[in-house]
Amino acid sequence: MTVAVVGGGQLARMMSQQAIALGVRLRALVEAPDAATAQVVPDVVVGAAKDEAAVREVCRGADVLTVEHEHVDDAQLTRIIGDGIAVRPGPHALRYAQDKIAMRVRLTELGVECPRWAQVRTAAELAAFGAEVGWPVVVKTPRGGYDGKGVRFAHSPDDVADWLADLERGVVTVEGLGGEGGHELLVEERVPFTRELAVLVARRPGDYHAEIRAWPVVETVQAGGICSEVIAPAPGLPPEAARHAQEMAATVARGLDVTGVLAVEMFAVEDESGVRLSVNELAMRPHNSGHWTIEGSVTSQFEQHLRAVLDLPLGDTSARQPYAVMVNLLGSELSDPLDAYPRLMAAFPDVKVHFYGKAVRPGRKLGHVTALGEDPATLRARANAAVAILRGDEEERG
């Protein structure tokens, strides 16, 4: 069996480890010869996701094409399907991860709880929405954003005046990213959440009743719009709230006809009346909130994604330990964080380290560590201390 994947970052890199275990051949379309995946996968094609010739080349002889990011062309994937190649998730599903307005429209149709939202083109429309739900509001570019890019808090239309000016010229794109933009802005109420949760589910291809499995609901901690920590399962979350979150994710997977892993990021508002959940974002691929499953679950998200896109029975998603904590390495003061391995491994022999082979840049996702055990507070402390060594923090070096 051969799985082709568009994207050469850390997700395809970690997927390759599970492909080896299953005896599945992974072929990756990578952005550069030294991309994270190209360092460990021998069968690669160098090219851009928008390059149809390169995508067709990576598909040659493959059983299925999948993705490690959503920045792919719908029409291009549709033509590839027309040539008899399975694409999972398909372009009909991926559009809801690519276009935030399309996602909000469809989730609303499905009755899935979301923040109050609207699509706007003018300062007057934005001002009217802010007056209705209260300032500040969250304004998002419909396409292209990730890790906090393309998202702003606005206290008035002036805070997104440049985006509104772009709309007058016909399109708005994410600053620093370029690429395809949108002809409206998405505006949402600012939810007074107590914490952020994420639910990962995996679904096989098929009709509405296709097999679905869910992992435990996790709590995510953000730093500058980027996930910095994941605690699995979410501490103190009532069982009925966890079940409701999983049911919401399953509804999304079925309603959007997702094949493979789906990550549903949620806001939780918790008070004496209970837990209220609303969907924030979607990702139709393995996701940062699921990295803990590599060591922490019977079946990791990467193995499960391969099973799903190959239409194989899905694996057990039970946790191996009461808790798992994953902490991202976001940038480093060290030119090579691997130089810190001797100290890290001596101090924390139980912590598992994953390094992505990327050049060091401030705030860049360079790797992650995972700790398993019985007390989430202790695990968070150990995992953060381990990452501090990899970052070369002064207090750790001292």
Protein backbone atom coordinates (compact mmCIF):
# COMPACT_ATOMS: atom_id res chain seq x y z
CA MET A 1 0.00 0.00 0.00
CA THR A 2 1.20 3.47 -0.89
CA VAL A 3 -0.11 6.70 0.62
CA ALA A 4 0.77 10.00 -1.04
CA VAL A 5 0.70 13.08 1.17
CA VAL A 6 0.77 16.76 0.23
CA GLY A 7 3.09 18.59 2.62
CA GLY A 8 6.56 18.08 4.00
CA GLY A 9 6.31 19.41 7.55
CA GLN A 10 6.34 17.72 10.92
CA LEU A 11 2.93 16.07 10.50
CA ALA A 12 3.97 14.05 7.45
CA ARG A 13 7.30 13.37 9.19
CA MET A 14 5.53 11.82 12.18
CA MET A 15 3.09 10.03 9.89
CA SER A 16 6.04 8.31 8.24
CA GLN A 17 7.01 6.62 11.52
CA GLN A 18 3.61 4.96 11.71
CA ALA A 19 3.72 4.09 8.01
CA ILE A 20 6.96 2.19 8.61
CA ALA A 21 5.38 0.22 11.45
CA LEU A 22 2.40 -0.71 9.26
CA GLY A 23 4.51 -1.57 6.24
CA VAL A 24 2.86 1.26 4.28
CA ARG A 25 4.91 3.21 1.76
CA LEU A 26 4.66 6.96 2.24
CA ARG A 27 5.43 9.32 -0.63
CA ALA A 28 5.46 13.04 0.18
CA LEU A 29 5.21 16.25 -1.81
CA VAL A 30 7.71 18.47 0.01
CA GLU A 31 8.36 22.19 -0.36
CA ALA A 32 12.17 21.85 -0.34
CA PRO A 33 14.76 19.06 -0.46
CA ASP A 34 15.64 19.69 3.21
CA ALA A 35 12.04 19.89 4.48
CA ALA A 36 11.26 18.09 7.74
CA THR A 37 9.70 15.10 5.98
CA ALA A 38 12.34 14.92 3.24
CA GLN A 39 14.98 14.30 5.93
CA VAL A 40 13.39 10.97 6.90
CA VAL A 41 11.29 9.84 3.91
CA PRO A 42 13.28 8.65 0.89
CA ASP A 43 10.38 8.82 -1.58
CA VAL A 44 9.64 12.52 -2.09
CA VAL A 45 8.68 14.90 -4.87
CA VAL A 46 9.84 18.49 -4.49
CA GLY A 47 7.19 21.00 -5.45
CA ALA A 48 4.42 23.32 -4.31
CA ALA A 49 0.95 22.19 -3.29
CA LYS A 50 -0.51 24.43 -6.03
CA ASP A 51 1.66 22.76 -8.70
CA GLU A 52 -0.70 20.24 -10.29
CA ALA A 53 2.09 18.45 -12.16
CA ALA A 54 3.94 17.89 -8.88
CA VAL A 55 0.78 16.68 -7.13
CA ARG A 56 0.10 14.25 -9.99
CA GLU A 57 3.67 13.00 -9.76
CA VAL A 58 3.38 12.27 -6.04
CA CYS A 59 0.11 10.41 -6.75
CA ARG A 60 1.69 8.12 -9.34
CA GLY A 61 1.03 4.51 -8.27
CA ALA A 62 -0.48 5.57 -4.91
CA ASP A 63 -3.60 4.02 -3.41
CA VAL A 64 -4.75 7.30 -1.91
CA LEU A 65 -3.76 10.96 -1.65
CA THR A 66 -4.04 12.75 1.70
CA VAL A 67 -2.81 16.07 3.11
CA GLU A 68 -0.91 17.43 6.10
CA HIS A 69 -2.26 20.96 5.55
CA GLU A 70 -5.40 22.44 4.01
CA HIS A 71 -3.69 24.82 1.58
CA VAL A 72 -4.51 22.82 -1.54
CA ASP A 73 -6.57 23.65 -4.61
CA ASP A 74 -10.11 22.24 -4.66
CA ALA A 75 -10.42 22.19 -8.45
CA GLN A 76 -7.06 20.47 -8.79
CA LEU A 77 -8.05 17.72 -6.35
CA THR A 78 -11.38 17.28 -8.15
CA ARG A 79 -9.54 16.68 -11.43
CA ILE A 80 -7.28 14.13 -9.72
CA ILE A 81 -10.35 12.29 -8.41
CA GLY A 82 -11.69 12.31 -11.96
CA ASP A 83 -8.58 10.41 -13.02
CA GLY A 84 -9.46 7.60 -10.59
CA ILE A 85 -7.26 8.53 -7.61
CA ALA A 86 -8.86 8.49 -4.16
CA VAL A 87 -8.41 11.79 -2.28
CA ARG A 88 -9.12 11.63 1.47
CA PRO A 89 -10.33 13.91 2.89
CA GLY A 90 -11.96 15.00 -0.35
CA PRO A 91 -12.14 18.57 -1.67
CA HIS A 92 -15.85 18.74 -0.76
CA ALA A 93 -14.83 18.35 2.90
CA LEU A 94 -11.58 20.32 2.82
CA ARG A 95 -13.34 23.50 1.70
CA TYR A 96 -14.82 23.79 5.19
CA ALA A 97 -11.32 23.79 6.71
CA GLN A 98 -10.07 26.20 4.04
CA ASP A 99 -12.87 28.76 4.20
CA LYS A 100 -14.00 29.88 7.65
CA ILE A 101 -17.20 31.45 6.36
CA ALA A 102 -18.21 28.25 4.55
CA MET A 103 -17.43 26.38 7.79
CA ARG A 104 -19.63 28.66 9.88
CA VAL A 105 -22.51 28.39 7.38
CA ARG A 106 -22.36 24.59 7.34
CA LEU A 107 -21.97 24.16 11.11
CA THR A 108 -24.94 26.44 11.65
CA GLU A 109 -26.97 24.31 9.22
CA LEU A 110 -25.96 21.21 11.21
CA GLY A 111 -27.08 22.79 14.48
CA VAL A 112 -23.55 22.69 15.93
CA GLU A 113 -22.94 25.32 18.60
CA CYS A 114 -20.75 28.20 17.37
CA PRO A 115 -20.02 31.77 18.51
CA ARG A 116 -22.43 34.33 17.06
CA TRP A 117 -20.99 35.34 13.70
CA ALA A 118 -21.55 37.32 10.53
CA GLN A 119 -19.81 37.99 7.25
CA VAL A 120 -19.05 41.64 6.58
CA ARG A 121 -17.67 43.74 3.76
CA THR A 122 -17.86 47.27 5.15
CA ALA A 123 -17.04 49.23 8.28
CA ALA A 124 -20.76 49.91 8.74
CA GLU A 125 -21.60 46.20 8.74
CA LEU A 126 -18.81 45.49 11.22
CA ALA A 127 -19.95 48.35 13.46
CA ALA A 128 -23.51 47.03 13.41
CA PHE A 129 -22.36 43.56 14.48
CA GLY A 130 -20.19 45.00 17.26
CA ALA A 131 -23.11 47.05 18.52
CA GLU A 132 -25.31 43.92 18.55
CA VAL A 133 -22.98 41.49 20.37
CA GLY A 134 -20.67 43.91 22.18
CA TRP A 135 -17.09 45.01 21.59
CA PRO A 136 -14.44 43.76 21.23
CA VAL A 137 -15.14 41.26 18.46
CA VAL A 138 -12.93 38.73 16.71
CA VAL A 139 -12.28 39.43 13.02
CA LYS A 140 -10.82 36.73 10.78
CA THR A 141 -9.73 36.51 7.17
CA PRO A 142 -11.76 33.67 5.66
CA ARG A 143 -8.85 31.82 4.08
CA GLY A 144 -5.16 31.21 4.70
CA GLY A 145 -4.83 31.89 8.42
CA TYR A 146 -3.21 29.58 10.96
CA ASP A 147 -1.46 29.78 14.34
CA GLY A 148 -3.07 33.13 15.10
CA LYS A 149 -2.34 34.69 11.68
CA GLY A 150 -5.33 36.26 10.00
CA VAL A 151 -7.08 36.85 13.35
CA ARG A 152 -7.49 40.18 15.16
CA PHE A 153 -9.40 41.50 18.15
CA ALA A 154 -11.22 44.64 17.11
CA HIS A 155 -12.58 47.32 19.45
CA SER A 156 -13.85 49.26 16.45
CA PRO A 157 -13.69 49.02 12.64
CA ASP A 158 -10.48 51.09 12.80
CA ASP A 159 -8.60 48.04 14.10
CA VAL A 160 -9.09 46.28 10.75
CA ALA A 161 -9.12 49.35 8.51
CA ASP A 162 -6.41 47.87 6.25
CA TRP A 163 -8.42 44.67 5.74
CA LEU A 164 -11.54 46.67 4.95
CA ALA A 165 -9.52 48.72 2.45
CA ASP A 166 -8.34 45.50 0.84
CA LEU A 167 -11.96 44.42 0.49
CA GLU A 168 -12.74 47.63 -1.39
CA ARG A 169 -9.99 46.64 -3.82
CA GLY A 170 -11.59 43.22 -4.24
CA VAL A 171 -9.82 40.74 -1.93
CA VAL A 172 -8.21 40.41 1.51
CA THR A 173 -5.28 38.08 2.21
CA VAL A 174 -3.40 37.15 5.36
CA GLU A 175 -0.48 39.48 5.97
CA GLY A 176 2.85 37.83 5.29
CA LEU A 177 1.29 34.78 3.68
CA GLY A 178 -0.03 35.98 0.36
CA GLY A 179 -1.99 33.47 -1.68
CA GLU A 180 -5.72 33.28 -2.13
CA GLY A 181 -7.86 35.62 -0.13
CA GLY A 182 -11.55 36.21 0.43
CA HIS A 183 -14.19 38.74 -0.53
CA GLU A 184 -15.64 39.13 2.98
CA LEU A 185 -14.40 39.10 6.53
CA LEU A 186 -15.69 36.76 9.20
CA VAL A 187 -16.60 38.50 12.45
CA GLU A 188 -17.47 36.62 15.64
CA GLU A 189 -18.44 37.51 19.15
CA ARG A 190 -15.63 37.24 21.67
CA VAL A 191 -16.52 34.22 23.78
CA PRO A 192 -15.68 34.62 27.51
CA PHE A 193 -14.30 31.10 27.64
CA THR A 194 -12.77 29.61 30.76
CA ARG A 195 -10.55 27.29 28.76
CA GLU A 196 -10.05 25.85 25.27
CA LEU A 197 -10.70 22.20 24.45
CA ALA A 198 -10.05 20.03 21.43
CA VAL A 199 -11.62 16.80 20.25
CA LEU A 200 -9.97 14.48 17.74
CA VAL A 201 -12.04 11.95 15.86
CA ALA A 202 -11.20 9.68 12.95
CA ARG A 203 -13.67 8.52 10.32
CA ARG A 204 -13.49 5.94 7.57
CA PRO A 205 -14.92 6.63 4.12
CA GLY A 206 -18.51 5.64 3.53
CA ASP A 207 -22.03 6.82 4.14
CA TYR A 208 -23.31 8.79 7.12
CA HIS A 209 -22.88 5.76 9.38
CA ALA A 210 -19.21 5.13 8.52
CA GLU A 211 -17.02 4.04 11.45
CA ILE A 212 -15.90 6.86 13.77
CA ARG A 213 -13.64 6.74 16.82
CA ALA A 214 -12.85 9.57 19.24
CA TRP A 215 -9.92 10.18 21.58
CA PRO A 216 -10.39 11.70 25.04
CA VAL A 217 -11.22 15.40 25.05
CA VAL A 218 -8.12 17.49 25.78
CA GLU A 219 -7.42 20.95 27.16
CA THR A 220 -5.18 23.19 25.08
CA VAL A 221 -3.14 26.15 26.28
CA GLN A 222 -2.29 28.88 23.76
CA ALA A 223 0.67 31.25 23.64
CA GLY A 224 0.48 34.05 21.09
CA GLY A 225 -2.15 32.20 19.09
CA ILE A 226 -0.06 29.00 18.96
CA CYS A 227 -0.79 25.86 20.93
CA SER A 228 1.86 25.55 23.63
CA GLU A 229 0.47 22.76 25.88
CA VAL A 230 -2.05 19.93 25.70
CA ILE A 231 -3.39 18.08 28.76
CA ALA A 232 -5.16 14.79 28.05
CA PRO A 233 -7.80 14.25 29.22
CA ALA A 234 -9.01 17.76 30.07
CA PRO A 235 -8.73 17.89 33.90
CA GLY A 236 -12.01 18.19 35.75
CA LEU A 237 -14.22 18.14 32.67
CA PRO A 238 -17.54 16.52 33.65
CA PRO A 239 -18.16 13.22 31.80
CA GLU A 240 -21.40 14.52 30.28
CA ALA A 241 -19.57 17.55 28.85
CA ALA A 242 -16.85 15.30 27.43
CA ARG A 243 -19.48 13.11 25.78
CA HIS A 244 -21.23 16.16 24.36
CA ALA A 245 -17.94 17.44 22.91
CA GLN A 246 -17.27 14.09 21.26
CA GLU A 247 -20.82 13.98 19.89
CA MET A 248 -20.36 17.48 18.45
CA ALA A 249 -17.14 16.39 16.73
CA ALA A 250 -18.82 13.26 15.34
CA THR A 251 -21.68 15.39 14.00
CA VAL A 252 -19.15 17.62 12.25
CA ALA A 253 -17.28 14.65 10.79
CA ARG A 254 -20.46 13.12 9.41
CA GLY A 255 -22.04 16.38 8.29
CA LEU A 256 -18.92 17.49 6.41
CA ASP A 257 -18.16 13.95 5.14
CA VAL A 258 -14.63 13.97 6.55
CA THR A 259 -12.35 10.97 5.95
CA GLY A 260 -9.29 10.68 8.19
CA VAL A 261 -8.51 12.60 11.37
CA LEU A 262 -10.58 15.66 12.21
CA ALA A 263 -9.62 18.10 14.97
CA VAL A 264 -12.42 20.23 16.40
CA GLU A 265 -11.21 23.11 18.58
CA MET A 266 -13.78 24.40 21.07
CA PHE A 267 -14.38 27.13 23.62
CA ALA A 268 -15.68 26.03 27.01
CA VAL A 269 -17.60 28.41 29.27
CA GLU A 270 -17.86 26.81 32.71
CA ASP A 271 -19.95 28.12 35.59
CA GLU A 272 -22.45 26.90 38.17
CA SER A 273 -25.00 26.18 35.42
CA GLY A 274 -22.68 23.71 33.67
CA VAL A 275 -20.38 23.66 30.63
CA ARG A 276 -21.30 25.42 27.39
CA LEU A 277 -19.31 24.47 24.31
CA SER A 278 -18.91 26.21 20.96
CA VAL A 279 -16.74 25.29 17.96
CA ASN A 280 -13.86 27.62 17.15
CA GLU A 281 -11.78 25.99 14.39
CA LEU A 282 -11.47 22.76 12.36
CA ALA A 283 -8.49 20.88 10.92
CA MET A 284 -8.91 17.84 8.65
CA ARG A 285 -5.62 16.09 9.30
CA PRO A 286 -3.47 15.07 12.26
CA HIS A 287 -3.27 18.03 14.62
CA ASN A 288 -1.03 19.52 17.28
CA SER A 289 -3.63 18.72 19.94
CA GLY A 290 -3.20 15.02 19.16
CA HIS A 291 0.58 14.64 19.41
CA TRP A 292 0.16 13.19 22.90
CA THR A 293 -1.46 10.11 21.30
CA ILE A 294 1.91 8.87 19.98
CA GLU A 295 2.87 7.63 23.44
CA GLY A 296 -0.38 8.22 25.29
CA SER A 297 -2.96 6.29 23.27
CA VAL A 298 -3.26 2.69 22.13
CA THR A 299 -3.57 4.04 18.57
CA SER A 300 -1.89 7.33 17.67
CA GLN A 301 -3.55 9.93 15.51
CA PHE A 302 -0.96 9.27 12.78
CA GLU A 303 -1.60 5.53 12.61
CA GLN A 304 -5.35 6.18 12.75
CA HIS A 305 -5.18 8.65 9.89
CA LEU A 306 -3.40 6.09 7.73
CA ARG A 307 -5.95 3.43 8.67
CA ALA A 308 -8.83 5.75 7.85
CA VAL A 309 -7.63 6.98 4.46
CA LEU A 310 -6.78 3.38 3.46
CA ASP A 311 -10.29 2.34 4.60
CA LEU A 312 -8.97 -0.08 7.22
CA PRO A 313 -10.71 -0.80 10.55
CA LEU A 314 -9.91 1.90 13.08
CA GLY A 315 -7.78 1.28 16.16
CA ASP A 316 -8.47 1.57 19.88
CA THR A 317 -8.23 5.18 21.08
CA SER A 318 -8.02 4.41 24.82
CA ALA A 319 -5.40 6.25 26.87
CA ARG A 320 -2.43 4.23 28.15
CA GLN A 321 -2.03 6.30 31.34
CA PRO A 322 -4.41 8.42 33.42
CA TYR A 323 -2.89 11.62 31.98
CA ALA A 324 -0.59 12.78 29.22
CA VAL A 325 0.88 16.27 28.84
CA MET A 326 2.42 17.51 25.59
CA VAL A 327 4.43 20.76 25.50
CA ASN A 328 5.64 22.35 22.27
CA LEU A 329 9.17 23.64 21.77
CA LEU A 330 8.54 27.09 20.27
CA GLY A 331 11.89 28.54 19.26
CA SER A 332 15.17 28.22 21.17
CA GLU A 333 18.14 30.26 22.32
CA LEU A 334 20.34 27.35 21.27
CA SER A 335 21.59 27.15 17.70
CA ASP A 336 20.97 23.39 17.89
CA PRO A 337 18.58 22.22 20.63
CA LEU A 338 19.90 18.68 20.23
CA ASP A 339 23.02 19.84 22.05
CA ALA A 340 20.84 19.88 25.18
CA TYR A 341 19.90 16.20 24.86
CA PRO A 342 22.43 14.86 27.40
CA ARG A 343 21.18 17.19 30.13
CA LEU A 344 17.53 16.73 29.22
CA MET A 345 17.66 12.94 29.10
CA ALA A 346 19.59 12.72 32.36
CA ALA A 347 17.14 15.00 34.16
CA PHE A 348 13.92 13.58 32.67
CA PRO A 349 14.44 9.97 31.52
CA ASP A 350 10.67 9.41 31.41
CA VAL A 351 9.91 12.31 29.03
CA LYS A 352 9.60 11.50 25.32
CA VAL A 353 11.17 13.96 22.88
CA HIS A 354 10.19 14.60 19.25
CA PHE A 355 12.34 16.94 17.16
CA TYR A 356 11.21 18.04 13.71
CA GLY A 357 14.54 18.78 12.02
CA LYS A 358 13.75 22.45 11.44
CA ALA A 359 16.14 25.40 11.54
CA VAL A 360 15.76 27.50 14.69
CA ARG A 361 13.60 30.61 14.39
CA PRO A 362 11.88 32.64 17.14
CA GLY A 363 8.51 31.10 17.96
CA ARG A 364 8.83 28.30 15.41
CA LYS A 365 7.49 24.85 16.25
CA LEU A 366 10.72 22.90 16.51
CA GLY A 367 9.47 19.83 18.38
CA HIS A 368 7.54 18.68 21.40
CA VAL A 369 7.87 16.58 24.53
CA THR A 370 5.32 14.29 26.17
CA ALA A 371 5.09 13.08 29.75
CA LEU A 372 2.72 10.36 30.99
CA GLY A 373 1.54 9.68 34.53
CA GLU A 374 -1.13 10.14 37.16
CA ASP A 375 -0.96 13.82 38.18
CA PRO A 376 -1.42 16.48 35.47
CA ALA A 377 0.17 19.27 37.52
CA THR A 378 3.35 17.25 38.04
CA LEU A 379 3.43 16.24 34.38
CA ARG A 380 3.03 19.84 33.23
CA ALA A 381 5.90 20.92 35.46
CA ARG A 382 8.18 18.16 34.18
CA ALA A 383 7.30 18.64 30.52
CA ASN A 384 7.76 22.43 30.73
CA ALA A 385 11.09 22.01 32.52
CA ALA A 386 12.23 19.61 29.80
CA VAL A 387 11.26 22.08 27.08
CA ALA A 388 13.03 24.88 28.97
CA ILE A 389 16.28 22.92 28.67
CA LEU A 390 15.74 22.58 24.92
CA ARG A 391 15.04 26.31 24.71
CA GLY A 392 18.26 27.08 26.55
CA ASP A 393 16.53 29.26 29.11
CA GLU A 394 18.98 31.19 31.28
CA GLU A 395 17.51 29.93 34.52
CA GLU A 396 17.83 26.35 33.29
CA ARG A 397 21.42 26.86 32.15
CA GLY A 398 22.23 28.36 35.53
